[in-house]
C-alpha atoms as a PDB file:
ATOM      1  CA  MET A   1       0.000   0.000   0.000  1.00  0.00           C
ATOM      2  CA  ALA A   2       1.354   3.445  -0.921  1.00  0.00           C
ATOM      3  CA  LYS A   3       1.970   5.878   1.894  1.00  0.00           C
ATOM      4  CA  THR A   4       0.034   9.108   2.161  1.00  0.00           C
ATOM      5  CA  TYR A   5       1.628  12.171   3.730  1.00  0.00           C
ATOM      6  CA  THR A   6      -0.745  14.622   5.400  1.00  0.00           C
ATOM      7  CA  VAL A   7       0.233  18.250   5.892  1.00  0.00           C
ATOM      8  CA  VAL A   8      -1.237  19.429   9.205  1.00  0.00           C
ATOM      9  CA  LYS A   9      -1.383  22.943  10.638  1.00  0.00           C
ATOM     10  CA  ASN A  10      -2.842  23.697  14.071  1.00  0.00           C
ATOM     11  CA  GLY A  11      -4.435  20.243  14.200  1.00  0.00           C
ATOM     12  CA  GLU A  12      -6.164  20.659  10.822  1.00  0.00           C
ATOM     13  CA  ALA A  13      -5.273  18.524   7.813  1.00  0.00           C
ATOM     14  CA  LEU A  14      -4.489  20.880   4.923  1.00  0.00           C
ATOM     15  CA  LYS A  15      -3.701  18.377   2.176  1.00  0.00           C
ATOM     16  CA  GLU A  16      -2.786  14.732   1.597  1.00  0.00           C
ATOM     17  CA  LEU A  17       0.119  14.072  -0.771  1.00  0.00           C
ATOM     18  CA  LYS A  18       1.732  10.947  -2.202  1.00  0.00           C
ATOM     19  CA  THR A  19       5.394  11.975  -1.797  1.00  0.00           C
ATOM     20  CA  LEU A  20       7.354  13.207   1.212  1.00  0.00           C
ATOM     21  CA  PRO A  21       9.286  15.887  -0.748  1.00  0.00           C
ATOM     22  CA  ALA A  22       6.028  17.460  -1.944  1.00  0.00           C
ATOM     23  CA  ALA A  23       4.596  17.320   1.569  1.00  0.00           C
ATOM     24  CA  LYS A  24       7.750  18.905   3.051  1.00  0.00           C
ATOM     25  CA  LYS A  25       7.613  21.722   0.495  1.00  0.00           C
ATOM     26  CA  LEU A  26       4.000  22.524   1.394  1.00  0.00           C
ATOM     27  CA  ALA A  27       4.759  22.211   5.118  1.00  0.00           C
ATOM     28  CA  ASP A  28       7.625  24.694   4.778  1.00  0.00           C
ATOM     29  CA  THR A  29       5.358  27.131   2.939  1.00  0.00           C
ATOM     30  CA  GLU A  30       2.504  26.795   5.444  1.00  0.00           C
ATOM     31  CA  GLY A  31       4.574  26.458   8.633  1.00  0.00           C
ATOM     32  CA  ALA A  32       2.960  23.065   9.145  1.00  0.00           C
ATOM     33  CA  GLU A  33       3.919  19.474  10.010  1.00  0.00           C
ATOM     34  CA  VAL A  34       3.865  16.330   7.886  1.00  0.00           C
ATOM     35  CA  TRP A  35       2.175  13.235   9.310  1.00  0.00           C
ATOM     36  CA  CYS A  36       2.360   9.658   8.012  1.00  0.00           C
ATOM     37  CA  ASP A  37       0.970   6.524   9.654  1.00  0.00           C
ATOM     38  CA  GLY A  38      -0.163   8.517  12.695  1.00  0.00           C
ATOM     39  CA  ALA A  39       3.191  10.120  13.484  1.00  0.00           C
ATOM     40  CA  VAL A  40       4.935  13.371  12.678  1.00  0.00           C
ATOM     41  CA  VAL A  41       7.625  12.677  10.072  1.00  0.00           C
ATOM     42  CA  TYR A  42       8.628  16.291   9.406  1.00  0.00           C
ATOM     43  CA  ALA A  43       8.212  19.502  11.375  1.00  0.00           C
ATOM     44  CA  PRO A  44       9.950  22.595  10.010  1.00  0.00           C
ATOM     45  CA  THR A  45      11.274  24.785  12.789  1.00  0.00           C
ATOM     46  CA  ALA A  46      13.547  27.786  12.986  1.00  0.00           C
ATOM     47  CA  ASN A  47      17.221  26.821  13.258  1.00  0.00           C
ATOM     48  CA  ASP A  48      16.296  23.120  13.275  1.00  0.00           C
ATOM     49  CA  ALA A  49      15.089  23.392  16.863  1.00  0.00           C
ATOM     50  CA  GLU A  50      12.813  20.699  18.233  1.00  0.00           C
ATOM     51  CA  PRO A  51       9.083  21.198  17.640  1.00  0.00           C
ATOM     52  CA  THR A  52       7.447  23.092  20.490  1.00  0.00           C
ATOM     53  CA  VAL A  53       4.770  20.425  21.071  1.00  0.00           C
ATOM     54  CA  PRO A  54       6.008  16.932  21.993  1.00  0.00           C
ATOM     55  CA  ALA A  55       4.873  14.240  19.517  1.00  0.00           C
ATOM     56  CA  GLN A  56       2.912  12.330  22.154  1.00  0.00           C
ATOM     57  CA  GLU A  57       0.775  15.434  22.761  1.00  0.00           C
ATOM     58  CA  ARG A  58      -0.144  16.004  19.101  1.00  0.00           C
ATOM     59  CA  VAL A  59      -3.724  15.141  18.267  1.00  0.00           C
ATOM     60  CA  LEU A  60      -5.459  14.894  14.904  1.00  0.00           C
ATOM     61  CA  GLN A  61      -9.182  14.697  14.410  1.00  0.00           C
ATOM     62  CA  TYR A  62     -10.751  12.051  12.190  1.00  0.00           C
ATOM     63  CA  THR A  63     -14.377  11.734  11.100  1.00  0.00           C
ATOM     64  CA  LEU A  64     -15.737   8.198  11.045  1.00  0.00           C
ATOM     65  CA  THR A  65     -17.283   7.248   7.712  1.00  0.00           C
ATOM     66  CA  ALA A  66     -19.026   4.170   9.107  1.00  0.00           C
ATOM     67  CA  LYS A  67     -20.533   2.974  12.379  1.00  0.00           C
ATOM     68  CA  MET A  68     -17.567   1.439  14.233  1.00  0.00           C
ATOM     69  CA  ASN A  69     -16.849  -0.553  17.366  1.00  0.00           C
ATOM     70  CA  ILE A  70     -14.628   1.047  19.986  1.00  0.00           C
ATOM     71  CA  ARG A  71     -12.207  -1.573  21.302  1.00  0.00           C
ATOM     72  CA  LYS A  72      -9.891  -1.967  24.272  1.00  0.00           C
ATOM     73  CA  ALA A  73      -6.919  -2.965  22.067  1.00  0.00           C
ATOM     74  CA  PRO A  74      -6.025  -2.767  18.357  1.00  0.00           C
ATOM     75  CA  ALA A  75      -7.436  -6.197  17.433  1.00  0.00           C
ATOM     76  CA  MET A  76     -10.739  -7.537  16.116  1.00  0.00           C
ATOM     77  CA  ASP A  77     -10.936  -9.983  19.032  1.00  0.00           C
ATOM     78  CA  ALA A  78     -10.311  -7.268  21.646  1.00  0.00           C
ATOM     79  CA  PRO A  79     -13.252  -6.482  23.942  1.00  0.00           C
ATOM     80  CA  LYS A  80     -15.826  -4.039  22.545  1.00  0.00           C
ATOM     81  CA  LEU A  81     -16.265  -1.003  24.771  1.00  0.00           C
ATOM     82  CA  GLY A  82     -18.895   0.827  22.750  1.00  0.00           C
ATOM     83  CA  ILE A  83     -20.018   1.991  19.341  1.00  0.00           C
ATOM     84  CA  ALA A  84     -19.279   5.243  17.507  1.00  0.00           C
ATOM     85  CA  GLU A  85     -21.724   6.362  14.826  1.00  0.00           C
ATOM     86  CA  ALA A  86     -20.732   7.426  11.311  1.00  0.00           C
ATOM     87  CA  GLY A  87     -19.995  11.155  11.340  1.00  0.00           C
ATOM     88  CA  THR A  88     -18.477  11.080  14.820  1.00  0.00           C
ATOM     89  CA  VAL A  89     -15.269  13.125  15.115  1.00  0.00           C
ATOM     90  CA  VAL A  90     -12.590  11.397  17.202  1.00  0.00           C
ATOM     91  CA  ASP A  91      -9.278  12.686  18.597  1.00  0.00           C
ATOM     92  CA  VAL A  92      -6.390  10.493  17.439  1.00  0.00           C
ATOM     93  CA  THR A  93      -2.859  10.371  18.839  1.00  0.00           C
ATOM     94  CA  ALA A  94      -1.506   7.617  16.565  1.00  0.00           C
ATOM     95  CA  ILE A  95      -2.328   4.973  13.992  1.00  0.00           C
ATOM     96  CA  GLU A  96      -1.100   1.550  15.093  1.00  0.00           C
ATOM     97  CA  ASN A  97      -1.292  -1.376  12.667  1.00  0.00           C
ATOM     98  CA  ASP A  98      -4.238   0.225  10.845  1.00  0.00           C
ATOM     99  CA  TRP A  99      -6.075   1.159  14.061  1.00  0.00           C
ATOM    100  CA  LEU A 100      -6.810   4.686  15.271  1.00  0.00           C
ATOM    101  CA  CYS A 101      -5.494   5.153  18.807  1.00  0.00           C
ATOM    102  CA  LEU A 102      -7.834   7.590  20.544  1.00  0.00           C
ATOM    103  CA  THR A 103      -6.740  10.007  23.246  1.00  0.00           C
ATOM    104  CA  ASP A 104      -8.462   7.899  25.909  1.00  0.00           C
ATOM    105  CA  GLY A 105      -6.400   4.819  24.968  1.00  0.00           C
ATOM    106  CA  THR A 106      -9.175   3.016  23.087  1.00  0.00           C
ATOM    107  CA  PHE A 107      -9.043   1.949  19.432  1.00  0.00           C
ATOM    108  CA  ILE A 108     -11.160   2.117  16.270  1.00  0.00           C
ATOM    109  CA  LEU A 109     -10.322   0.291  13.036  1.00  0.00           C
ATOM    110  CA  TYR A 110      -8.928   2.732  10.457  1.00  0.00           C
ATOM    111  CA  GLY A 111      -8.830   0.394   7.476  1.00  0.00           C
ATOM    112  CA  GLY A 112      -6.319   2.499   5.567  1.00  0.00           C
ATOM    113  CA  GLY A 113      -8.838   5.329   5.390  1.00  0.00           C
ATOM    114  CA  LYS A 114     -11.806   3.092   4.570  1.00  0.00           C
ATOM    115  CA  PHE A 115     -13.578   3.827   7.865  1.00  0.00           C
ATOM    116  CA  ALA A 116     -12.314   7.314   8.780  1.00  0.00           C
ATOM    117  CA  GLU A 117     -10.920  10.435   7.167  1.00  0.00           C
ATOM    118  CA  HIS A 118      -9.165  13.538   8.446  1.00  0.00           C
ATOM    119  CA  ALA A 119     -11.709  15.983   9.834  1.00  0.00           C
ATOM    120  CA  ARG A 120     -11.736  19.093   7.678  1.00  0.00           C
END
């Protein structure tokens, strides 16, 4: 599966691109970060200083495109903790093995973008 690089500014996804160089160029122009697979892969900063917000504190919002089970762990056989309706916006700290890791430590299947998309 081809990687998608998402340019994010102030928690909002600006654009998804297929190549890292193109994403870096846009990030530099916008003063934004580049995310891939739920993690920051590029963050332009003045004088190559560290980003001001630690990676573990960065949160992206995704909108569910289908009714999904909320699970205790990133596995289909993990206990179900609840259900989230299509259209629900969730706060995501990472994507682990195709699962959205929510800020409360629960998980929703991402499906490579089949079941959720960046909130606009």
